[in-house]
Protein backbone atom coordinates (compact mmCIF):
# COMPACT_ATOMS: atom_id res chain seq x y z
CA UNK A 1 0.00 0.00 0.00
CA UNK A 2 2.83 2.35 0.86
CA UNK A 3 4.48 1.67 -2.51
CA UNK A 4 1.23 2.40 -4.37
CA UNK A 5 0.71 5.60 -2.35
CA UNK A 6 4.27 6.76 -3.11
CA UNK A 7 3.83 5.96 -6.81
CA UNK A 8 0.58 7.93 -6.99
CA UNK A 9 2.25 10.85 -5.23
CA UNK A 10 5.19 10.83 -7.64
CA UNK A 11 2.89 10.67 -10.68
CA UNK A 12 0.79 13.53 -9.32
CA UNK A 13 3.94 15.59 -8.67
CA UNK A 14 5.20 14.92 -12.19
CA UNK A 15 1.82 15.83 -13.69
CA UNK A 16 1.69 19.12 -11.78
CA UNK A 17 5.12 20.03 -13.16
CA UNK A 18 3.91 19.80 -16.78
CA UNK A 19 3.33 22.95 -18.77
CA UNK A 20 -0.44 23.24 -18.85
CA UNK A 21 -0.50 25.53 -21.88
CA UNK A 22 1.20 23.00 -24.17
CA UNK A 23 -0.79 20.11 -22.68
CA UNK A 24 -4.20 21.76 -23.09
CA UNK A 25 -3.31 22.99 -26.58
CA UNK A 26 -2.49 19.44 -27.68
CA UNK A 27 -5.75 18.10 -26.25
CA UNK A 28 -7.73 20.91 -27.92
CA UNK A 29 -6.18 20.06 -31.29
CA UNK A 30 -7.02 16.38 -30.75
CA UNK A 31 -10.64 17.30 -30.01
CA UNK A 32 -10.86 19.44 -33.16
CA UNK A 33 -9.30 16.59 -35.16
CA UNK A 34 -11.95 14.15 -33.97
CA UNK A 35 -14.68 16.71 -34.60
CA UNK A 36 -13.54 17.33 -38.16
CA UNK A 37 -13.07 13.62 -38.86
CA UNK A 38 -16.74 13.16 -37.97
CA UNK A 39 -17.50 15.91 -40.51
CA UNK A 40 -15.38 14.68 -43.42
CA UNK A 41 -14.70 11.01 -42.72
CA UNK A 42 -18.08 9.40 -43.55
CA UNK A 43 -18.31 11.04 -46.99
CA UNK A 44 -14.75 10.05 -47.96
CA UNK A 45 -15.35 6.51 -46.67
CA UNK A 46 -18.48 6.02 -48.73
CA UNK A 47 -16.76 7.42 -51.82
CA UNK A 48 -14.05 4.78 -51.38
CA UNK A 49 -16.64 2.02 -50.88
CA UNK A 50 -15.97 1.61 -47.15
CA UNK A 51 -18.50 1.62 -44.35
CA UNK A 52 -19.49 5.21 -43.53
CA UNK A 53 -17.90 4.88 -40.07
CA UNK A 54 -14.56 3.52 -41.33
CA UNK A 55 -12.39 6.62 -40.77
CA UNK A 56 -14.34 7.77 -37.72
CA UNK A 57 -13.97 4.37 -36.05
CA UNK A 58 -10.23 4.20 -36.74
CA UNK A 59 -9.71 7.74 -35.47
CA UNK A 60 -11.65 6.89 -32.31
CA UNK A 61 -9.45 3.83 -31.92
CA UNK A 62 -6.17 5.74 -32.25
CA UNK A 63 -7.16 8.79 -30.21
CA UNK A 64 -7.04 7.09 -26.75
CA UNK A 65 -3.70 5.55 -27.75
CA UNK A 66 -2.43 9.02 -28.66
CA UNK A 67 -3.59 10.49 -25.34
CA UNK A 68 -1.95 7.66 -23.37
CA UNK A 69 1.31 8.13 -25.27
CA UNK A 70 1.13 11.90 -24.78
CA UNK A 71 0.59 11.67 -21.01
CA UNK A 72 2.84 8.64 -20.50
CA UNK A 73 5.77 10.23 -22.35
CA UNK A 74 5.22 13.57 -20.60
CA UNK A 75 5.56 11.93 -17.17
CA UNK A 76 8.93 10.37 -18.00
CA UNK A 77 12.12 11.84 -16.50
CA UNK A 78 14.28 13.60 -19.08
CA UNK A 79 16.84 10.79 -19.14
CA UNK A 80 14.24 8.11 -19.84
CA UNK A 81 12.47 10.25 -22.46
CA UNK A 82 15.80 10.60 -24.24
CA UNK A 83 16.51 6.86 -24.09
CA UNK A 84 13.03 6.04 -25.36
CA UNK A 85 13.59 8.42 -28.28
CA UNK A 86 16.81 6.64 -29.19
CA UNK A 87 14.95 3.31 -29.26
CA UNK A 88 12.13 4.80 -31.37
CA UNK A 89 14.64 6.32 -33.78
CA UNK A 90 16.51 3.04 -34.26
CA UNK A 91 13.20 1.25 -34.78
CA UNK A 92 12.14 3.91 -37.31
CA UNK A 93 15.39 3.54 -39.26
CA UNK A 94 14.87 -0.21 -39.55
CA UNK A 95 11.21 0.45 -40.39
CA UNK A 96 12.16 2.80 -43.24
CA UNK A 97 14.59 0.19 -44.55
CA UNK A 98 11.84 -2.45 -44.41
CA UNK A 99 9.46 -0.12 -46.25
CA UNK A 100 11.83 -0.05 -49.24
CA UNK A 101 11.56 -3.84 -49.52
CA UNK A 102 8.15 -4.78 -48.16
CA UNK A 103 6.30 -1.46 -48.15
CA UNK A 104 3.03 -0.63 -49.84
CA UNK A 105 3.56 1.62 -52.86
CA UNK A 106 1.05 4.43 -53.40
CA UNK A 107 1.29 7.13 -56.10
CA UNK A 108 4.88 6.15 -56.82
CA UNK A 109 6.07 6.26 -53.20
CA UNK A 110 6.76 3.46 -50.70
CA UNK A 111 6.16 4.90 -47.23
CA UNK A 112 3.83 2.47 -45.46
CA UNK A 113 4.29 -1.05 -44.16
CA UNK A 114 1.61 -3.38 -42.88
CA UNK A 115 2.15 -4.60 -39.30
CA UNK A 116 -0.47 -6.91 -37.79
CA UNK A 117 -3.08 -5.56 -40.16
CA UNK A 118 -2.28 -1.92 -39.38
CA UNK A 119 -0.67 0.37 -41.96
CA UNK A 120 2.30 2.14 -40.33
CA UNK A 121 4.45 4.97 -41.69
CA UNK A 122 7.84 4.64 -39.94
CA UNK A 123 9.08 8.04 -41.11
CA UNK A 124 6.36 9.73 -39.01
CA UNK A 125 7.93 8.31 -35.85
CA UNK A 126 11.44 9.12 -37.02
CA UNK A 127 10.82 12.90 -36.95
CA UNK A 128 10.33 13.53 -33.19
CA UNK A 129 12.92 10.91 -32.30
CA UNK A 130 15.36 12.51 -34.78
CA UNK A 131 14.98 15.87 -32.99
CA UNK A 132 15.93 14.27 -29.67
CA UNK A 133 18.81 12.17 -31.01
CA UNK A 134 20.49 14.97 -32.98
CA UNK A 135 19.85 17.45 -30.16
CA UNK A 136 21.64 15.13 -27.75
CA UNK A 137 24.54 14.50 -30.12
CA UNK A 138 25.02 18.21 -30.89
CA UNK A 139 24.90 19.06 -27.18
CA UNK A 140 27.40 16.32 -26.43
CA UNK A 141 29.72 17.54 -29.18
CA UNK A 142 29.49 21.12 -27.86
CA UNK A 143 29.94 20.44 -24.15
CA UNK A 144 32.32 17.48 -24.09
CA UNK A 145 35.87 17.66 -25.30
CA UNK A 146 37.07 15.04 -27.77
CA UNK A 147 33.46 14.07 -28.41
CA UNK A 148 32.36 13.16 -31.92
CA UNK A 149 28.77 14.11 -31.17
CA UNK A 150 28.63 16.77 -33.87
CA UNK A 151 29.98 14.40 -36.52
CA UNK A 152 27.54 11.68 -35.45
CA UNK A 153 24.67 14.19 -35.64
CA UNK A 154 25.57 14.96 -39.24
CA UNK A 155 25.80 11.25 -40.00
CA UNK A 156 22.35 10.72 -38.45
CA UNK A 157 20.93 13.51 -40.60
CA UNK A 158 22.38 12.18 -43.87
CA UNK A 159 21.25 8.62 -43.12
CA UNK A 160 17.70 9.81 -42.44
CA UNK A 161 17.62 11.96 -45.59
CA UNK A 162 18.96 9.08 -47.70
CA UNK A 163 16.21 6.73 -46.54
CA UNK A 164 13.56 9.40 -47.11
CA UNK A 165 14.91 10.09 -50.61
CA UNK A 166 14.70 6.40 -51.52
CA UNK A 167 10.98 6.28 -50.60
CA UNK A 168 10.79 9.12 -51.91
CA UNK A 169 9.33 11.72 -49.51
CA UNK A 170 10.53 15.24 -50.31
CA UNK A 171 8.23 16.94 -47.79
CA UNK A 172 9.63 14.81 -44.99
CA UNK A 173 13.17 15.64 -46.11
CA UNK A 174 12.39 19.35 -45.83
CA UNK A 175 10.89 18.84 -42.36
CA UNK A 176 13.91 16.89 -41.10
CA UNK A 177 16.22 19.50 -42.64
CA UNK A 178 14.30 22.29 -40.88
CA UNK A 179 14.58 20.45 -37.55
CA UNK A 180 18.32 19.92 -37.94
CA UNK A 181 18.87 23.47 -39.22
CA UNK A 182 17.19 25.02 -36.17
CA UNK A 183 19.18 22.78 -33.84
CA UNK A 184 22.41 23.81 -35.56
CA UNK A 185 21.40 27.46 -35.22
CA UNK A 186 20.58 27.07 -31.51
CA UNK A 187 23.87 25.24 -30.97
CA UNK A 188 25.70 28.44 -31.93
CA UNK A 189 27.13 27.27 -35.23
CA UNK A 190 29.01 29.95 -37.14
CA UNK A 191 27.22 31.97 -39.82
CA UNK A 192 30.07 31.01 -42.14
CA UNK A 193 28.70 27.48 -41.97
CA UNK A 194 25.00 28.38 -41.79
CA UNK A 195 25.06 30.45 -45.00
CA UNK A 196 26.37 27.64 -47.26
CA UNK A 197 23.97 25.20 -45.56
CA UNK A 198 21.04 27.53 -46.25
CA UNK A 199 22.03 27.75 -49.90
CA UNK A 200 22.40 23.97 -50.09
CA UNK A 201 18.99 23.55 -48.46
CA UNK A 202 17.36 25.95 -50.90
CA UNK A 203 18.92 24.03 -53.79
CA UNK A 204 16.96 20.94 -52.73
CA UNK A 205 13.82 22.36 -54.35
CA UNK A 206 15.16 22.71 -57.93
CA UNK A 207 17.05 19.44 -57.47
CA UNK A 208 13.83 17.68 -56.48
CA UNK A 209 12.07 19.22 -59.48
CA UNK A 210 14.48 17.54 -61.88
CA UNK A 211 15.07 14.30 -59.96
CA UNK A 212 11.62 13.42 -58.59
CA UNK A 213 8.76 13.09 -61.05
CA UNK A 214 5.94 13.50 -58.51
CA UNK A 215 7.54 16.70 -57.18
CA UNK A 216 7.86 18.08 -60.71
CA UNK A 217 4.21 17.17 -61.33
CA UNK A 218 2.99 19.08 -58.26
CA UNK A 219 5.10 22.13 -59.04
CA UNK A 220 3.73 22.19 -62.60
CA UNK A 221 0.19 22.07 -61.20
CA UNK A 222 1.04 24.97 -58.87
CA UNK A 223 2.49 27.04 -61.71
CA UNK A 224 -0.43 26.23 -64.04
CA UNK A 225 -3.50 26.12 -61.77
CA UNK A 226 -5.97 26.28 -64.65
CA UNK A 227 -5.33 22.66 -65.60
CA UNK A 228 -7.73 19.92 -64.54
CA UNK A 229 -5.09 18.49 -62.21
CA UNK A 230 -5.45 21.54 -59.95
CA UNK A 231 -9.06 20.65 -59.15
CA UNK A 232 -8.50 20.05 -55.42
CA UNK A 233 -6.73 23.37 -54.90
CA UNK A 234 -9.39 25.33 -56.81
CA UNK A 235 -12.17 23.68 -54.82
CA UNK A 236 -10.36 24.46 -51.58
CA UNK A 237 -9.84 28.11 -52.52
CA UNK A 238 -13.47 28.60 -53.57
CA UNK A 239 -14.60 27.09 -50.28
CA UNK A 240 -12.35 29.41 -48.26
CA UNK A 241 -13.66 32.46 -50.14
CA UNK A 242 -17.30 31.68 -49.34
CA UNK A 243 -16.91 30.25 -45.83
CA UNK A 244 -17.99 33.34 -43.88
CA UNK A 245 -17.60 33.89 -40.14
CA UNK A 246 -19.61 30.90 -38.93
CA UNK A 247 -19.74 28.62 -41.99
CA UNK A 248 -22.68 26.67 -43.32
CA UNK A 249 -23.09 24.58 -40.18
CA UNK A 250 -22.13 21.01 -39.17
CA UNK A 251 -22.80 18.53 -41.96
CA UNK A 252 -23.88 21.21 -44.44
CA UNK A 253 -20.61 21.48 -46.34
CA UNK A 254 -20.27 20.19 -49.89
CA UNK A 255 -16.53 20.43 -50.57
CA UNK A 256 -15.92 17.10 -48.78
CA UNK A 257 -17.97 15.39 -51.50
CA UNK A 258 -15.47 16.41 -54.18
CA UNK A 259 -12.09 16.58 -52.41
CA UNK A 260 -10.44 13.12 -52.34
CA UNK A 261 -8.28 14.08 -49.34
CA UNK A 262 -10.86 16.11 -47.43
CA UNK A 263 -10.09 14.21 -44.20
CA UNK A 264 -6.29 14.64 -44.42
CA UNK A 265 -4.49 17.20 -46.61
CA UNK A 266 -7.50 19.53 -47.01
CA UNK A 267 -9.12 19.14 -43.60
CA UNK A 268 -8.99 22.92 -43.06
CA UNK A 269 -11.15 23.47 -46.15
CA UNK A 270 -13.84 21.36 -44.50
CA UNK A 271 -13.37 23.27 -41.24
CA UNK A 272 -13.75 26.63 -42.97
CA UNK A 273 -16.83 25.65 -44.98
CA UNK A 274 -18.81 24.05 -42.16
CA UNK A 275 -17.60 26.00 -39.12
CA UNK A 276 -16.38 29.24 -40.62
CA UNK A 277 -13.53 31.64 -40.10
CA UNK A 278 -13.81 31.69 -36.31
CA UNK A 279 -13.16 27.99 -35.63
CA UNK A 280 -10.44 27.87 -38.29
CA UNK A 281 -8.77 30.88 -36.67
CA UNK A 282 -8.89 29.19 -33.27
CA UNK A 283 -7.00 26.21 -34.74
CA UNK A 284 -4.36 28.45 -36.35
CA UNK A 285 -3.99 30.55 -33.18
CA UNK A 286 -3.54 27.37 -31.15
CA UNK A 287 -0.58 26.39 -33.32
CA UNK A 288 0.84 29.91 -33.00
CA UNK A 289 0.49 29.71 -29.21
CA UNK A 290 2.32 26.36 -29.15
CA UNK A 291 5.25 27.85 -31.08
CA UNK A 292 5.30 30.94 -28.83
CA UNK A 293 5.12 28.89 -25.63
CA UNK A 294 7.76 26.47 -26.87
CA UNK A 295 10.16 29.33 -27.62
CA UNK A 296 9.46 30.79 -24.18
CA UNK A 297 10.17 27.47 -22.47
CA UNK A 298 13.46 27.17 -24.35
CA UNK A 299 14.57 30.59 -23.11
CA UNK A 300 13.64 29.71 -19.53
CA UNK A 301 15.53 26.41 -19.54
CA UNK A 302 19.28 26.35 -19.04
CA UNK A 303 19.83 22.74 -20.07
CA UNK A 304 21.67 22.76 -23.39
CA UNK A 305 20.27 19.47 -24.64
CA UNK A 306 16.70 20.49 -23.78
CA UNK A 307 17.08 23.78 -25.65
CA UNK A 308 18.19 22.02 -28.84
CA UNK A 309 15.73 19.12 -28.66
CA UNK A 310 12.66 21.22 -27.86
CA UNK A 311 13.67 23.70 -30.54
CA UNK A 312 13.70 20.84 -33.03
CA UNK A 313 10.33 19.47 -31.88
CA UNK A 314 8.64 22.87 -32.05
CA UNK A 315 10.11 23.35 -35.52
CA UNK A 316 8.61 20.04 -36.64
CA UNK A 317 5.13 21.03 -35.46
CA UNK A 318 5.37 24.52 -36.95
CA UNK A 319 6.78 23.27 -40.28
CA UNK A 320 4.02 20.69 -40.74
CA UNK A 321 1.30 23.20 -39.87
CA UNK A 322 2.74 25.83 -42.22
CA UNK A 323 3.08 23.38 -45.12
CA UNK A 324 -0.44 21.99 -44.69
CA UNK A 325 -2.10 25.40 -44.34
CA UNK A 326 -0.05 26.90 -47.17
CA UNK A 327 -1.08 24.05 -49.48
CA UNK A 328 -4.74 24.62 -48.61
CA UNK A 329 -4.34 28.34 -49.36
CA UNK A 330 -2.49 27.60 -52.63
CA UNK A 331 0.62 29.42 -51.41
CA UNK A 332 2.86 26.46 -52.20
CA UNK A 333 2.50 23.29 -54.31
CA UNK A 334 0.32 20.65 -52.66
CA UNK A 335 2.20 18.27 -50.40
CA UNK A 336 0.67 15.26 -48.69
CA UNK A 337 1.51 16.46 -45.19
CA UNK A 338 -0.95 16.16 -42.33
CA UNK A 339 -1.98 18.97 -40.02
CA UNK A 340 -0.62 17.87 -36.60
CA UNK A 341 -3.27 16.21 -34.40
CA UNK A 342 -6.03 17.46 -36.75
CA UNK A 343 -5.79 15.42 -39.95
CA UNK A 344 -6.88 11.80 -40.03
CA UNK A 345 -4.07 9.25 -39.84
CA UNK A 346 -3.07 6.78 -37.14
CA UNK A 347 0.71 7.07 -37.60
CA UNK A 348 0.50 10.86 -37.68
CA UNK A 349 -1.72 11.09 -34.59
CA UNK A 350 0.40 8.72 -32.50
CA UNK A 351 3.75 10.20 -33.58
CA UNK A 352 2.59 13.78 -32.96
CA UNK A 353 1.28 12.73 -29.54
CA UNK A 354 4.75 11.37 -28.88
CA UNK A 355 6.29 14.67 -30.01
CA UNK A 356 4.08 16.71 -27.68
CA UNK A 357 4.78 14.27 -24.86
CA UNK A 358 8.52 14.76 -25.37
CA UNK A 359 8.14 18.55 -25.25
CA UNK A 360 6.27 18.26 -21.96
CA UNK A 361 8.77 15.75 -20.53
CA UNK A 362 11.75 17.98 -21.36
CA UNK A 363 10.21 21.22 -20.06
CA UNK A 364 8.86 20.20 -16.66
CA UNK A 365 9.13 22.91 -14.01
CA UNK A 366 12.40 21.92 -12.42
CA UNK A 367 15.94 23.23 -12.28
CA UNK A 368 18.37 21.90 -14.86
CA UNK A 369 22.11 22.32 -14.85
CA UNK A 370 23.73 23.44 -18.06
CA UNK A 371 24.57 19.91 -19.05
CA UNK A 372 23.30 16.94 -20.95
CA UNK A 373 20.94 15.44 -18.31
């Protein structure tokens, strides 16, 4: 009994030390995601000859798992959260290798593998774990003499990019590059190194245009939106223009009947049409608050590893949100990237729950030394 009482007390103490702003924001986004899946999921399911409840049921199945992973990861001590991330990253690397051999190919890309009847995208889990692993290695290289942490971090980055290129998944490459770039910046790397890296990163776009057919196809659609292939974007834009403050009301939208990816890539078009500008603005403002709060927590924490890792995790969330919203608004070529915790997708929901859990675990209200933890 005493052991159980002590355990409950420790869990309660750990929970009270979590940042409530980040925690509540994540739960709010999850709620909106479920709400919007109920709006768009049944129509998409019936169009694909599934039962009307197919996507709703699967989202309901993954949501409790996501919440448990979010809370469970958040309650971990920093050291254990880091070790768990290393295990997840290694598993993701092997998963991405397996995808190249056994993966399901869709629209020219092999990104998913079937495990026990469940379609899993290993690269989704690699992103948050990558932020932790490279953050740790960069911190180790900076703070410990004769350490090869920095070199290992670069090796980790190139290995991840190589596996993503072989799938191929250009959007994921950009996200991983953004994570690593922010961590390098926060580590105090010289501008003499940052400038060439920025140029090299920018050159990825024209390189992808010539090397990857599906990337070239999407850029051509973006540059020539009057073609029939730009149908989804035009429908999304027309919906956003006529949404109004409060929308047409739950279930009254029509864009979900014509958009093939209304429950994933274009979930915000459904949100705008049925629930209007106000609800959509709440979702966007929630993401902005998460980025603001994450930056604030980084400044308040004096642990070097935590600063780099949380910076990378916040960058991942912000990058995915920006890409998804920009695609919906036709500001960039369409990219099959989910809106964190909002879009339908089991791998995305669980991996983003893990990412938010890591942020909470690393930023508990406690005093850190300027070390590696």
